[in-house]
Amino acid sequence: MGLFNGLIGNATEAKPAGVEKDLADVLMPEEQVDLALKLVRDLVVFTDYRLIIVDKQGVTGKKTSYKTYPYKSISRFTVETSGHFDLDAELKIWISSALEPVEILQFRKDKNITQVQKALAMAVLK
């Protein structure tokens, strides 16, 4: 069911230890993964310092983009849950002084977006 959920856009939770191993070259020493959600090949990773969006590109997924947003630079975010006709839930993230969101993430299940929103709120607002 996990692969099927990923194919239709549902995020599934990834084990932090496995993500830390996969991102060993990206993470700082002693940086720990608090929450990671996987979408087929892509990842949304919350560490104790930052939000990392891992975007696998191309057919083979060999090319990878790592976008880092330190929590202190995230100025605001919005969450839009899904409705009857619009089945996608959406999270938009702005960084300091940006007029447009720097990241727009779409989810198929409200459960996943509320989990992401809660993790982001805990990291940004503390």
C-alpha atoms as a PDB file:
ATOM      1  CA  MET A   1       0.000   0.000   0.000  1.00  0.00           C
ATOM      2  CA  GLY A   2       2.970   2.360   0.633  1.00  0.00           C
ATOM      3  CA  LEU A   3       4.042   2.469  -3.026  1.00  0.00           C
ATOM      4  CA  PHE A   4       0.438   2.943  -4.169  1.00  0.00           C
ATOM      5  CA  ASN A   5      -0.001   5.808  -1.704  1.00  0.00           C
ATOM      6  CA  GLY A   6       3.187   7.420  -2.994  1.00  0.00           C
ATOM      7  CA  LEU A   7       2.113   7.091  -6.615  1.00  0.00           C
ATOM      8  CA  ILE A   8      -1.143   8.907  -5.992  1.00  0.00           C
ATOM      9  CA  GLY A   9       0.583  11.626  -3.972  1.00  0.00           C
ATOM     10  CA  ASN A  10       0.167  10.489  -0.382  1.00  0.00           C
ATOM     11  CA  ALA A  11       3.155  11.088   1.851  1.00  0.00           C
ATOM     12  CA  THR A  12       4.283   8.218   4.016  1.00  0.00           C
ATOM     13  CA  GLU A  13       6.424   8.580   7.117  1.00  0.00           C
ATOM     14  CA  ALA A  14      10.052   7.494   6.723  1.00  0.00           C
ATOM     15  CA  LYS A  15      12.179   6.158   9.558  1.00  0.00           C
ATOM     16  CA  PRO A  16      14.477   8.932  10.866  1.00  0.00           C
ATOM     17  CA  ALA A  17      17.465   6.561  11.248  1.00  0.00           C
ATOM     18  CA  GLY A  18      17.250   5.518   7.587  1.00  0.00           C
ATOM     19  CA  VAL A  19      16.916   9.120   6.424  1.00  0.00           C
ATOM     20  CA  GLU A  20      19.916  10.160   8.546  1.00  0.00           C
ATOM     21  CA  LYS A  21      21.948   7.429   6.852  1.00  0.00           C
ATOM     22  CA  ASP A  22      20.777   8.512   3.366  1.00  0.00           C
ATOM     23  CA  LEU A  23      21.520  12.191   4.104  1.00  0.00           C
ATOM     24  CA  ALA A  24      24.837  11.611   5.908  1.00  0.00           C
ATOM     25  CA  ASP A  25      26.668  13.874   3.433  1.00  0.00           C
ATOM     26  CA  VAL A  26      24.072  16.651   3.811  1.00  0.00           C
ATOM     27  CA  LEU A  27      23.493  16.687   7.556  1.00  0.00           C
ATOM     28  CA  MET A  28      25.789  18.533   9.961  1.00  0.00           C
ATOM     29  CA  PRO A  29      27.587  16.545  12.658  1.00  0.00           C
ATOM     30  CA  GLU A  30      25.164  15.772  15.495  1.00  0.00           C
ATOM     31  CA  GLU A  31      22.149  17.006  13.428  1.00  0.00           C
ATOM     32  CA  GLN A  32      19.194  14.690  13.933  1.00  0.00           C
ATOM     33  CA  VAL A  33      16.091  14.009  11.857  1.00  0.00           C
ATOM     34  CA  ASP A  34      12.896  14.636  13.836  1.00  0.00           C
ATOM     35  CA  LEU A  35      10.368  13.798  11.093  1.00  0.00           C
ATOM     36  CA  ALA A  36      10.635  12.680   7.463  1.00  0.00           C
ATOM     37  CA  LEU A  37       7.851  12.161   4.931  1.00  0.00           C
ATOM     38  CA  LYS A  38       8.482  10.342   1.658  1.00  0.00           C
ATOM     39  CA  LEU A  39       6.693  10.844  -1.662  1.00  0.00           C
ATOM     40  CA  VAL A  40       7.895   8.024  -3.979  1.00  0.00           C
ATOM     41  CA  ARG A  41      11.408   9.487  -4.471  1.00  0.00           C
ATOM     42  CA  ASP A  42      11.186  12.903  -2.790  1.00  0.00           C
ATOM     43  CA  LEU A  43      11.505  13.695   0.922  1.00  0.00           C
ATOM     44  CA  VAL A  44      10.373  16.420   3.306  1.00  0.00           C
ATOM     45  CA  VAL A  45      12.773  16.300   6.262  1.00  0.00           C
ATOM     46  CA  PHE A  46      12.541  18.149   9.574  1.00  0.00           C
ATOM     47  CA  THR A  47      15.775  18.192  11.557  1.00  0.00           C
ATOM     48  CA  ASP A  48      16.527  19.904  14.818  1.00  0.00           C
ATOM     49  CA  TYR A  49      17.944  22.877  12.806  1.00  0.00           C
ATOM     50  CA  ARG A  50      16.188  23.127   9.449  1.00  0.00           C
ATOM     51  CA  LEU A  51      13.682  21.942   6.899  1.00  0.00           C
ATOM     52  CA  ILE A  52      15.206  20.013   3.992  1.00  0.00           C
ATOM     53  CA  ILE A  53      13.303  19.300   0.770  1.00  0.00           C
ATOM     54  CA  VAL A  54      14.976  16.487  -1.178  1.00  0.00           C
ATOM     55  CA  ASP A  55      13.888  16.527  -4.815  1.00  0.00           C
ATOM     56  CA  LYS A  56      14.992  13.556  -6.923  1.00  0.00           C
ATOM     57  CA  GLN A  57      15.065  14.579 -10.579  1.00  0.00           C
ATOM     58  CA  GLY A  58      15.192  12.817 -13.910  1.00  0.00           C
ATOM     59  CA  VAL A  59      14.121   9.339 -14.930  1.00  0.00           C
ATOM     60  CA  THR A  60      16.704   7.543 -12.817  1.00  0.00           C
ATOM     61  CA  GLY A  61      16.520   9.919  -9.863  1.00  0.00           C
ATOM     62  CA  LYS A  62      20.308  10.175  -9.814  1.00  0.00           C
ATOM     63  CA  LYS A  63      20.241  13.974  -9.943  1.00  0.00           C
ATOM     64  CA  THR A  64      19.087  15.362  -6.598  1.00  0.00           C
ATOM     65  CA  SER A  65      18.267  18.846  -5.359  1.00  0.00           C
ATOM     66  CA  TYR A  66      18.589  19.571  -1.623  1.00  0.00           C
ATOM     67  CA  LYS A  67      16.728  22.715  -0.566  1.00  0.00           C
ATOM     68  CA  THR A  68      17.473  23.908   2.955  1.00  0.00           C
ATOM     69  CA  TYR A  69      15.330  26.348   4.917  1.00  0.00           C
ATOM     70  CA  PRO A  70      16.679  27.242   8.362  1.00  0.00           C
ATOM     71  CA  TYR A  71      13.740  27.543  10.733  1.00  0.00           C
ATOM     72  CA  LYS A  72      14.770  31.080  11.722  1.00  0.00           C
ATOM     73  CA  SER A  73      14.371  32.242   8.097  1.00  0.00           C
ATOM     74  CA  ILE A  74      10.816  30.889   7.724  1.00  0.00           C
ATOM     75  CA  SER A  75       8.611  33.909   8.339  1.00  0.00           C
ATOM     76  CA  ARG A  76       5.182  32.350   7.772  1.00  0.00           C
ATOM     77  CA  PHE A  77       3.340  29.373   6.326  1.00  0.00           C
ATOM     78  CA  THR A  78      -0.208  28.465   5.389  1.00  0.00           C
ATOM     79  CA  VAL A  79      -2.045  25.171   5.351  1.00  0.00           C
ATOM     80  CA  GLU A  80      -5.030  24.509   3.116  1.00  0.00           C
ATOM     81  CA  THR A  81      -6.862  21.259   3.745  1.00  0.00           C
ATOM     82  CA  SER A  82      -8.601  19.290   1.011  1.00  0.00           C
ATOM     83  CA  GLY A  83     -12.286  19.671   0.192  1.00  0.00           C
ATOM     84  CA  HIS A  84     -14.981  17.759  -1.675  1.00  0.00           C
ATOM     85  CA  PHE A  85     -13.840  18.713  -5.174  1.00  0.00           C
ATOM     86  CA  ASP A  86     -10.267  19.859  -4.532  1.00  0.00           C
ATOM     87  CA  LEU A  87      -8.653  16.702  -3.152  1.00  0.00           C
ATOM     88  CA  ASP A  88      -5.186  18.175  -2.637  1.00  0.00           C
ATOM     89  CA  ALA A  89      -4.090  19.687   0.662  1.00  0.00           C
ATOM     90  CA  GLU A  90      -1.400  22.341   0.330  1.00  0.00           C
ATOM     91  CA  LEU A  91       1.358  23.843   2.455  1.00  0.00           C
ATOM     92  CA  LYS A  92       2.989  27.132   1.428  1.00  0.00           C
ATOM     93  CA  ILE A  93       6.192  28.398   3.043  1.00  0.00           C
ATOM     94  CA  TRP A  94       7.598  31.938   2.931  1.00  0.00           C
ATOM     95  CA  ILE A  95      11.040  33.065   4.000  1.00  0.00           C
ATOM     96  CA  SER A  96      11.922  36.473   5.407  1.00  0.00           C
ATOM     97  CA  SER A  97      10.912  39.404   3.167  1.00  0.00           C
ATOM     98  CA  ALA A  98       9.737  37.177   0.273  1.00  0.00           C
ATOM     99  CA  LEU A  99       6.478  38.198  -1.384  1.00  0.00           C
ATOM    100  CA  GLU A 100       5.812  34.795  -2.921  1.00  0.00           C
ATOM    101  CA  PRO A 101       6.104  31.408  -1.225  1.00  0.00           C
ATOM    102  CA  VAL A 102       9.467  29.724  -1.731  1.00  0.00           C
ATOM    103  CA  GLU A 103       7.939  26.282  -1.467  1.00  0.00           C
ATOM    104  CA  ILE A 104       4.501  24.834  -2.210  1.00  0.00           C
ATOM    105  CA  LEU A 105       3.965  21.234  -1.134  1.00  0.00           C
ATOM    106  CA  GLN A 106       0.872  19.240  -2.068  1.00  0.00           C
ATOM    107  CA  PHE A 107      -0.521  16.295  -0.161  1.00  0.00           C
ATOM    108  CA  ARG A 108      -3.486  14.035  -0.838  1.00  0.00           C
ATOM    109  CA  LYS A 109      -4.389  13.416   2.782  1.00  0.00           C
ATOM    110  CA  ASP A 110      -5.172  16.019   5.422  1.00  0.00           C
ATOM    111  CA  LYS A 111      -3.555  13.757   8.046  1.00  0.00           C
ATOM    112  CA  ASN A 112      -0.157  14.207   6.410  1.00  0.00           C
ATOM    113  CA  ILE A 113      -0.417  17.959   5.988  1.00  0.00           C
ATOM    114  CA  THR A 114      -1.539  18.488   9.564  1.00  0.00           C
ATOM    115  CA  GLN A 115       1.434  16.410  10.725  1.00  0.00           C
ATOM    116  CA  VAL A 116       3.774  18.590   8.629  1.00  0.00           C
ATOM    117  CA  GLN A 117       2.075  21.781   9.826  1.00  0.00           C
ATOM    118  CA  LYS A 118       2.441  20.724  13.456  1.00  0.00           C
ATOM    119  CA  ALA A 119       6.141  19.874  13.011  1.00  0.00           C
ATOM    120  CA  LEU A 120       6.764  23.166  11.228  1.00  0.00           C
ATOM    121  CA  ALA A 121       4.909  25.164  13.880  1.00  0.00           C
ATOM    122  CA  MET A 122       6.886  23.472  16.655  1.00  0.00           C
ATOM    123  CA  ALA A 123      10.183  24.238  14.894  1.00  0.00           C
ATOM    124  CA  VAL A 124       9.466  27.804  13.754  1.00  0.00           C
ATOM    125  CA  LEU A 125       7.473  29.129  16.713  1.00  0.00           C
ATOM    126  CA  LYS A 126       9.621  27.913  19.603  1.00  0.00           C
END
